[in-house]
Amino acid sequence: RARRPRLEDPAARRPGDLSLARARVSIACFAVGAGVTWNMASVGSVADPVAAAYGVSLAFVGLLATALLLTQLGSQLPAGRAIDRRGSITVALAAVGFCAVGNALALLEPSPALGLLARLVTGIGVGAGFVAGADAMRSTGLSLTWQGAYGASTMAGGGLAVLVTPQLVEQLGWRAPYWSGLAVALLAAVPVLLSPRVPAVGGHRRGLLADRRLVPLGVVHAATF
């Protein structure tokens, strides 16, 4: 039976400090969970100014959300394999990096093609960040209540984007969802950089899905989207 990996933090060697290390991991996970999922709702919340700047219909703005979801769903299994090799905190940092790059690309000009490309890049970060945060919460031995709180944080990100992004349109115009997404990604990177590392599991069996028991769970997860 595989042993739960211990946190790579010198402070965790002193009595009472392991709880602090776990708290730092959980803060990083909450930041990533809310930070990456901000991008799922930010553009749609200001669809009218985005459509006007791009010179497209509202239906095309919907495609920007679809592009993000495509790579978000497609990146989750590869992200899981990367977590096994590199560790969840490392993948979480890469995830917020993808979100930052995607939003920075979208800021360059109101081009429909560039917008689609940027959202595809951002979607990779959203999917990888979601999986990395969930794995880090589980691997550090945090309770199911805290793991559920992480799930709630991933919903909070989109809700906050709907609340905040429209307030920024007057100052930032059509770039409001992208500037805010970039800022949130950079802010989320701070607790991730300060978090102790969760050791990687190591190698695993070949094949896309090593454990068939995950299939029904994956079907249920897919149905929620």
C-alpha atoms as a PDB file:
ATOM      1  CA  ARG A   1       0.000   0.000   0.000  1.00  0.00           C
ATOM      2  CA  ALA A   2       1.421   3.383  -1.025  1.00  0.00           C
ATOM      3  CA  ARG A   3       2.287   5.738   1.804  1.00  0.00           C
ATOM      4  CA  ARG A   4       0.963   9.263   1.850  1.00  0.00           C
ATOM      5  CA  PRO A   5       3.761  11.647   0.815  1.00  0.00           C
ATOM      6  CA  ARG A   6       5.033  14.031   3.444  1.00  0.00           C
ATOM      7  CA  LEU A   7       5.275  17.745   2.893  1.00  0.00           C
ATOM      8  CA  GLU A   8       8.683  18.938   1.802  1.00  0.00           C
ATOM      9  CA  ASP A   9       9.032  21.715   4.362  1.00  0.00           C
ATOM     10  CA  PRO A  10      11.839  21.956   6.927  1.00  0.00           C
ATOM     11  CA  ALA A  11       9.412  23.623   9.342  1.00  0.00           C
ATOM     12  CA  ALA A  12       7.309  20.469   9.343  1.00  0.00           C
ATOM     13  CA  ARG A  13      10.085  18.691  11.267  1.00  0.00           C
ATOM     14  CA  ARG A  14       9.359  20.721  14.399  1.00  0.00           C
ATOM     15  CA  PRO A  15       6.406  19.761  16.645  1.00  0.00           C
ATOM     16  CA  GLY A  16       3.204  21.574  15.753  1.00  0.00           C
ATOM     17  CA  ASP A  17       4.513  22.961  12.470  1.00  0.00           C
ATOM     18  CA  LEU A  18       2.973  20.326  10.218  1.00  0.00           C
ATOM     19  CA  SER A  19      -0.432  21.940  10.690  1.00  0.00           C
ATOM     20  CA  LEU A  20       1.057  25.247   9.552  1.00  0.00           C
ATOM     21  CA  ALA A  21       2.520  23.560   6.468  1.00  0.00           C
ATOM     22  CA  ARG A  22      -0.876  22.077   5.629  1.00  0.00           C
ATOM     23  CA  ALA A  23      -2.492  25.475   6.099  1.00  0.00           C
ATOM     24  CA  ARG A  24      -0.039  26.986   3.611  1.00  0.00           C
ATOM     25  CA  VAL A  25      -0.863  24.263   1.098  1.00  0.00           C
ATOM     26  CA  SER A  26      -4.605  24.794   1.563  1.00  0.00           C
ATOM     27  CA  ILE A  27      -4.273  28.563   1.085  1.00  0.00           C
ATOM     28  CA  ALA A  28      -2.374  27.937  -2.150  1.00  0.00           C
ATOM     29  CA  CYS A  29      -5.054  25.511  -3.309  1.00  0.00           C
ATOM     30  CA  PHE A  30      -7.904  27.918  -2.561  1.00  0.00           C
ATOM     31  CA  ALA A  31      -6.064  30.665  -4.445  1.00  0.00           C
ATOM     32  CA  VAL A  32      -5.533  28.408  -7.452  1.00  0.00           C
ATOM     33  CA  GLY A  33      -9.087  27.055  -7.379  1.00  0.00           C
ATOM     34  CA  ALA A  34     -10.643  30.518  -7.383  1.00  0.00           C
ATOM     35  CA  GLY A  35      -7.959  32.061  -9.559  1.00  0.00           C
ATOM     36  CA  VAL A  36      -8.162  29.704 -12.523  1.00  0.00           C
ATOM     37  CA  THR A  37     -11.957  29.379 -12.529  1.00  0.00           C
ATOM     38  CA  TRP A  38     -12.293  33.175 -12.614  1.00  0.00           C
ATOM     39  CA  ASN A  39     -11.658  32.782 -16.341  1.00  0.00           C
ATOM     40  CA  MET A  40     -14.702  30.575 -16.874  1.00  0.00           C
ATOM     41  CA  ALA A  41     -17.132  33.442 -16.275  1.00  0.00           C
ATOM     42  CA  SER A  42     -15.172  36.660 -16.746  1.00  0.00           C
ATOM     43  CA  VAL A  43     -15.664  37.069 -20.508  1.00  0.00           C
ATOM     44  CA  GLY A  44     -19.310  36.043 -20.542  1.00  0.00           C
ATOM     45  CA  SER A  45     -20.133  38.529 -17.801  1.00  0.00           C
ATOM     46  CA  VAL A  46     -19.237  41.399 -20.167  1.00  0.00           C
ATOM     47  CA  ALA A  47     -20.333  39.797 -23.441  1.00  0.00           C
ATOM     48  CA  ASP A  48     -21.739  43.001 -25.000  1.00  0.00           C
ATOM     49  CA  PRO A  49     -18.582  45.167 -24.870  1.00  0.00           C
ATOM     50  CA  VAL A  50     -16.419  42.190 -25.909  1.00  0.00           C
ATOM     51  CA  ALA A  51     -18.653  41.485 -28.914  1.00  0.00           C
ATOM     52  CA  ALA A  52     -18.649  45.151 -29.916  1.00  0.00           C
ATOM     53  CA  ALA A  53     -14.854  45.415 -29.721  1.00  0.00           C
ATOM     54  CA  TYR A  54     -14.336  42.199 -31.673  1.00  0.00           C
ATOM     55  CA  GLY A  55     -16.996  43.137 -34.229  1.00  0.00           C
ATOM     56  CA  VAL A  56     -18.778  39.808 -33.729  1.00  0.00           C
ATOM     57  CA  SER A  57     -22.109  38.518 -32.488  1.00  0.00           C
ATOM     58  CA  LEU A  58     -22.879  37.409 -28.957  1.00  0.00           C
ATOM     59  CA  ALA A  59     -22.843  33.841 -30.261  1.00  0.00           C
ATOM     60  CA  PHE A  60     -19.136  34.189 -31.000  1.00  0.00           C
ATOM     61  CA  VAL A  61     -18.520  35.347 -27.436  1.00  0.00           C
ATOM     62  CA  GLY A  62     -20.115  32.060 -26.447  1.00  0.00           C
ATOM     63  CA  LEU A  63     -17.485  30.301 -28.572  1.00  0.00           C
ATOM     64  CA  LEU A  64     -14.802  31.954 -26.457  1.00  0.00           C
ATOM     65  CA  ALA A  65     -16.233  30.096 -23.481  1.00  0.00           C
ATOM     66  CA  THR A  66     -16.451  26.883 -25.505  1.00  0.00           C
ATOM     67  CA  ALA A  67     -12.787  27.156 -26.508  1.00  0.00           C
ATOM     68  CA  LEU A  68     -11.774  27.429 -22.865  1.00  0.00           C
ATOM     69  CA  LEU A  69     -13.894  24.418 -21.896  1.00  0.00           C
ATOM     70  CA  LEU A  70     -12.395  22.280 -24.664  1.00  0.00           C
ATOM     71  CA  THR A  71      -8.850  22.587 -23.394  1.00  0.00           C
ATOM     72  CA  GLN A  72      -9.991  22.661 -19.771  1.00  0.00           C
ATOM     73  CA  LEU A  73     -11.520  19.206 -20.106  1.00  0.00           C
ATOM     74  CA  GLY A  74      -8.755  17.924 -22.371  1.00  0.00           C
ATOM     75  CA  SER A  75      -5.955  18.985 -20.040  1.00  0.00           C
ATOM     76  CA  GLN A  76      -7.154  17.240 -16.885  1.00  0.00           C
ATOM     77  CA  LEU A  77      -5.840  13.725 -17.583  1.00  0.00           C
ATOM     78  CA  PRO A  78      -2.433  14.950 -18.822  1.00  0.00           C
ATOM     79  CA  ALA A  79      -2.300  17.213 -15.762  1.00  0.00           C
ATOM     80  CA  GLY A  80      -2.919  14.214 -13.518  1.00  0.00           C
ATOM     81  CA  ARG A  81      -0.019  12.359 -15.080  1.00  0.00           C
ATOM     82  CA  ALA A  82       2.193  15.438 -14.684  1.00  0.00           C
ATOM     83  CA  ILE A  83       1.200  15.636 -11.008  1.00  0.00           C
ATOM     84  CA  ASP A  84       2.337  12.032 -10.512  1.00  0.00           C
ATOM     85  CA  ARG A  85       5.736  12.919 -11.958  1.00  0.00           C
ATOM     86  CA  ARG A  86       6.302  16.499 -10.775  1.00  0.00           C
ATOM     87  CA  GLY A  87       3.975  17.040  -7.820  1.00  0.00           C
ATOM     88  CA  SER A  88       0.729  18.951  -7.495  1.00  0.00           C
ATOM     89  CA  ILE A  89       2.174  22.296  -6.364  1.00  0.00           C
ATOM     90  CA  THR A  90       4.531  22.405  -9.346  1.00  0.00           C
ATOM     91  CA  VAL A  91       1.630  21.737 -11.723  1.00  0.00           C
ATOM     92  CA  ALA A  92      -0.505  24.336  -9.917  1.00  0.00           C
ATOM     93  CA  LEU A  93       2.177  26.946 -10.551  1.00  0.00           C
ATOM     94  CA  ALA A  94       2.318  25.977 -14.227  1.00  0.00           C
ATOM     95  CA  ALA A  95      -1.489  26.234 -14.365  1.00  0.00           C
ATOM     96  CA  VAL A  96      -1.624  29.822 -13.154  1.00  0.00           C
ATOM     97  CA  GLY A  97       1.178  30.530 -15.618  1.00  0.00           C
ATOM     98  CA  PHE A  98      -0.958  29.281 -18.504  1.00  0.00           C
ATOM     99  CA  CYS A  99      -3.833  31.476 -17.292  1.00  0.00           C
ATOM    100  CA  ALA A 100      -1.550  34.490 -17.099  1.00  0.00           C
ATOM    101  CA  VAL A 101      -0.159  33.904 -20.597  1.00  0.00           C
ATOM    102  CA  GLY A 102      -3.604  33.328 -22.092  1.00  0.00           C
ATOM    103  CA  ASN A 103      -5.000  36.541 -20.660  1.00  0.00           C
ATOM    104  CA  ALA A 104      -1.903  38.482 -21.689  1.00  0.00           C
ATOM    105  CA  LEU A 105      -2.324  37.257 -25.269  1.00  0.00           C
ATOM    106  CA  ALA A 106      -5.965  38.358 -25.318  1.00  0.00           C
ATOM    107  CA  LEU A 107      -4.949  41.860 -24.245  1.00  0.00           C
ATOM    108  CA  LEU A 108      -2.891  42.481 -27.381  1.00  0.00           C
ATOM    109  CA  GLU A 109      -5.734  43.360 -29.735  1.00  0.00           C
ATOM    110  CA  PRO A 110      -9.479  42.698 -30.218  1.00  0.00           C
ATOM    111  CA  SER A 111      -8.950  39.958 -32.788  1.00  0.00           C
ATOM    112  CA  PRO A 112     -11.437  37.055 -32.871  1.00  0.00           C
ATOM    113  CA  ALA A 113      -8.720  34.593 -33.911  1.00  0.00           C
ATOM    114  CA  LEU A 114      -6.349  35.796 -31.201  1.00  0.00           C
ATOM    115  CA  GLY A 115      -9.193  35.705 -28.694  1.00  0.00           C
ATOM    116  CA  LEU A 116      -9.895  32.055 -29.486  1.00  0.00           C
ATOM    117  CA  LEU A 117      -6.215  31.150 -29.235  1.00  0.00           C
ATOM    118  CA  ALA A 118      -5.889  32.967 -25.936  1.00  0.00           C
ATOM    119  CA  ARG A 119      -8.899  31.175 -24.484  1.00  0.00           C
ATOM    120  CA  LEU A 120      -7.512  27.801 -25.580  1.00  0.00           C
ATOM    121  CA  VAL A 121      -4.292  28.569 -23.734  1.00  0.00           C
ATOM    122  CA  THR A 122      -6.170  29.768 -20.662  1.00  0.00           C
ATOM    123  CA  GLY A 123      -8.288  26.605 -20.645  1.00  0.00           C
ATOM    124  CA  ILE A 124      -5.175  24.476 -20.192  1.00  0.00           C
ATOM    125  CA  GLY A 125      -4.436  26.381 -17.010  1.00  0.00           C
ATOM    126  CA  VAL A 126      -8.017  26.093 -15.762  1.00  0.00           C
ATOM    127  CA  GLY A 127      -8.087  22.311 -16.177  1.00  0.00           C
ATOM    128  CA  ALA A 128      -4.622  21.705 -14.771  1.00  0.00           C
ATOM    129  CA  GLY A 129      -5.175  24.053 -11.845  1.00  0.00           C
ATOM    130  CA  PHE A 130      -8.441  22.377 -10.872  1.00  0.00           C
ATOM    131  CA  VAL A 131      -6.827  18.924 -10.768  1.00  0.00           C
ATOM    132  CA  ALA A 132      -3.638  20.104  -9.066  1.00  0.00           C
ATOM    133  CA  GLY A 133      -5.503  21.843  -6.268  1.00  0.00           C
ATOM    134  CA  ALA A 134      -7.724  18.837  -5.632  1.00  0.00           C
ATOM    135  CA  ASP A 135      -4.734  16.497  -5.540  1.00  0.00           C
ATOM    136  CA  ALA A 136      -2.735  18.730  -3.193  1.00  0.00           C
ATOM    137  CA  MET A 137      -5.649  18.942  -0.744  1.00  0.00           C
ATOM    138  CA  ARG A 138      -6.018  15.156  -0.767  1.00  0.00           C
ATOM    139  CA  SER A 139      -2.318  14.305  -0.625  1.00  0.00           C
ATOM    140  CA  THR A 140      -1.592  16.454   2.402  1.00  0.00           C
ATOM    141  CA  GLY A 141      -4.182  14.585   4.462  1.00  0.00           C
ATOM    142  CA  LEU A 142      -6.644  17.420   4.885  1.00  0.00           C
ATOM    143  CA  SER A 143     -10.149  16.368   5.924  1.00  0.00           C
ATOM    144  CA  LEU A 144     -13.029  15.831   3.536  1.00  0.00           C
ATOM    145  CA  THR A 145     -14.558  19.049   4.838  1.00  0.00           C
ATOM    146  CA  TRP A 146     -11.512  21.008   3.708  1.00  0.00           C
ATOM    147  CA  GLN A 147     -11.466  19.169   0.406  1.00  0.00           C
ATOM    148  CA  GLY A 148     -15.102  20.153  -0.066  1.00  0.00           C
ATOM    149  CA  ALA A 149     -14.199  23.736   0.759  1.00  0.00           C
ATOM    150  CA  TYR A 150     -11.674  23.587  -2.074  1.00  0.00           C
ATOM    151  CA  GLY A 151     -14.442  22.493  -4.425  1.00  0.00           C
ATOM    152  CA  ALA A 152     -16.475  25.476  -3.278  1.00  0.00           C
ATOM    153  CA  SER A 153     -13.563  27.799  -4.013  1.00  0.00           C
ATOM    154  CA  THR A 154     -13.607  26.704  -7.649  1.00  0.00           C
ATOM    155  CA  MET A 155     -17.219  27.837  -7.896  1.00  0.00           C
ATOM    156  CA  ALA A 156     -16.490  31.057  -6.025  1.00  0.00           C
ATOM    157  CA  GLY A 157     -13.979  32.136  -8.663  1.00  0.00           C
ATOM    158  CA  GLY A 158     -16.577  32.281 -11.411  1.00  0.00           C
ATOM    159  CA  GLY A 159     -19.089  33.976  -9.150  1.00  0.00           C
ATOM    160  CA  LEU A 160     -16.622  36.667  -8.165  1.00  0.00           C
ATOM    161  CA  ALA A 161     -15.794  37.245 -11.831  1.00  0.00           C
ATOM    162  CA  VAL A 162     -19.473  37.850 -12.602  1.00  0.00           C
ATOM    163  CA  LEU A 163     -19.653  40.291  -9.697  1.00  0.00           C
ATOM    164  CA  VAL A 164     -16.425  42.198 -10.292  1.00  0.00           C
ATOM    165  CA  THR A 165     -15.664  42.202 -14.037  1.00  0.00           C
ATOM    166  CA  PRO A 166     -18.651  44.345 -15.145  1.00  0.00           C
ATOM    167  CA  GLN A 167     -17.549  46.990 -12.651  1.00  0.00           C
ATOM    168  CA  LEU A 168     -14.225  47.297 -14.480  1.00  0.00           C
ATOM    169  CA  VAL A 169     -15.607  47.887 -17.981  1.00  0.00           C
ATOM    170  CA  GLU A 170     -15.883  51.660 -17.574  1.00  0.00           C
ATOM    171  CA  GLN A 171     -12.140  51.927 -16.867  1.00  0.00           C
ATOM    172  CA  LEU A 172     -10.773  49.000 -18.891  1.00  0.00           C
ATOM    173  CA  GLY A 173     -13.316  48.514 -21.671  1.00  0.00           C
ATOM    174  CA  TRP A 174     -13.332  45.171 -23.511  1.00  0.00           C
ATOM    175  CA  ARG A 175     -10.027  44.266 -21.854  1.00  0.00           C
ATOM    176  CA  ALA A 176     -11.653  44.083 -18.400  1.00  0.00           C
ATOM    177  CA  PRO A 177     -11.954  40.261 -18.294  1.00  0.00           C
ATOM    178  CA  TYR A 178      -8.376  39.833 -19.473  1.00  0.00           C
ATOM    179  CA  TRP A 179      -6.729  42.384 -17.201  1.00  0.00           C
ATOM    180  CA  SER A 180      -8.643  40.977 -14.248  1.00  0.00           C
ATOM    181  CA  GLY A 181      -7.786  37.395 -15.240  1.00  0.00           C
ATOM    182  CA  LEU A 182      -4.102  38.288 -15.512  1.00  0.00           C
ATOM    183  CA  ALA A 183      -4.126  40.051 -12.140  1.00  0.00           C
ATOM    184  CA  VAL A 184      -5.907  37.166 -10.427  1.00  0.00           C
ATOM    185  CA  ALA A 185      -3.446  34.641 -11.913  1.00  0.00           C
ATOM    186  CA  LEU A 186      -0.464  36.636 -10.654  1.00  0.00           C
ATOM    187  CA  LEU A 187      -2.026  36.981  -7.202  1.00  0.00           C
ATOM    188  CA  ALA A 188      -2.737  33.238  -7.088  1.00  0.00           C
ATOM    189  CA  ALA A 189       0.898  32.501  -7.921  1.00  0.00           C
ATOM    190  CA  VAL A 190       2.112  34.144  -4.684  1.00  0.00           C
ATOM    191  CA  PRO A 191       0.754  31.586  -2.157  1.00  0.00           C
ATOM    192  CA  VAL A 192       1.700  28.778  -4.551  1.00  0.00           C
ATOM    193  CA  LEU A 193       5.318  29.959  -4.601  1.00  0.00           C
ATOM    194  CA  LEU A 194       5.281  30.185  -0.797  1.00  0.00           C
ATOM    195  CA  SER A 195       3.681  26.770  -0.331  1.00  0.00           C
ATOM    196  CA  PRO A 196       5.682  23.710   0.735  1.00  0.00           C
ATOM    197  CA  ARG A 197       5.992  21.173  -2.056  1.00  0.00           C
ATOM    198  CA  VAL A 198       3.895  18.006  -2.068  1.00  0.00           C
ATOM    199  CA  PRO A 199       6.193  15.172  -3.248  1.00  0.00           C
ATOM    200  CA  ALA A 200       5.281  13.432  -6.479  1.00  0.00           C
ATOM    201  CA  VAL A 201       3.935   9.880  -6.395  1.00  0.00           C
ATOM    202  CA  GLY A 202       6.394   8.701  -9.037  1.00  0.00           C
ATOM    203  CA  GLY A 203       5.885   6.315 -11.945  1.00  0.00           C
ATOM    204  CA  HIS A 204       2.655   4.608 -12.853  1.00  0.00           C
ATOM    205  CA  ARG A 205       1.380   2.023 -15.263  1.00  0.00           C
ATOM    206  CA  ARG A 206       1.216   2.773 -18.934  1.00  0.00           C
ATOM    207  CA  GLY A 207      -2.054   3.773 -20.523  1.00  0.00           C
ATOM    208  CA  LEU A 208      -4.325   6.766 -20.370  1.00  0.00           C
ATOM    209  CA  LEU A 209      -6.397   5.435 -17.462  1.00  0.00           C
ATOM    210  CA  ALA A 210      -4.629   3.076 -15.074  1.00  0.00           C
ATOM    211  CA  ASP A 211      -7.600   2.419 -12.780  1.00  0.00           C
ATOM    212  CA  ARG A 212     -10.936   1.577 -14.432  1.00  0.00           C
ATOM    213  CA  ARG A 213     -12.788   2.405 -11.219  1.00  0.00           C
ATOM    214  CA  LEU A 214     -12.288   6.052 -12.169  1.00  0.00           C
ATOM    215  CA  VAL A 215     -14.505   5.711 -15.264  1.00  0.00           C
ATOM    216  CA  PRO A 216     -17.892   6.159 -13.515  1.00  0.00           C
ATOM    217  CA  LEU A 217     -16.489   9.044 -11.461  1.00  0.00           C
ATOM    218  CA  GLY A 218     -15.280  10.665 -14.656  1.00  0.00           C
ATOM    219  CA  VAL A 219     -18.714  10.274 -16.258  1.00  0.00           C
ATOM    220  CA  VAL A 220     -20.383  11.948 -13.278  1.00  0.00           C
ATOM    221  CA  HIS A 221     -17.822  14.766 -13.347  1.00  0.00           C
ATOM    222  CA  ALA A 222     -18.346  15.294 -17.083  1.00  0.00           C
ATOM    223  CA  ALA A 223     -22.121  15.470 -16.580  1.00  0.00           C
ATOM    224  CA  THR A 224     -21.716  18.407 -14.184  1.00  0.00           C
ATOM    225  CA  PHE A 225     -20.343  20.489 -17.058  1.00  0.00           C
END
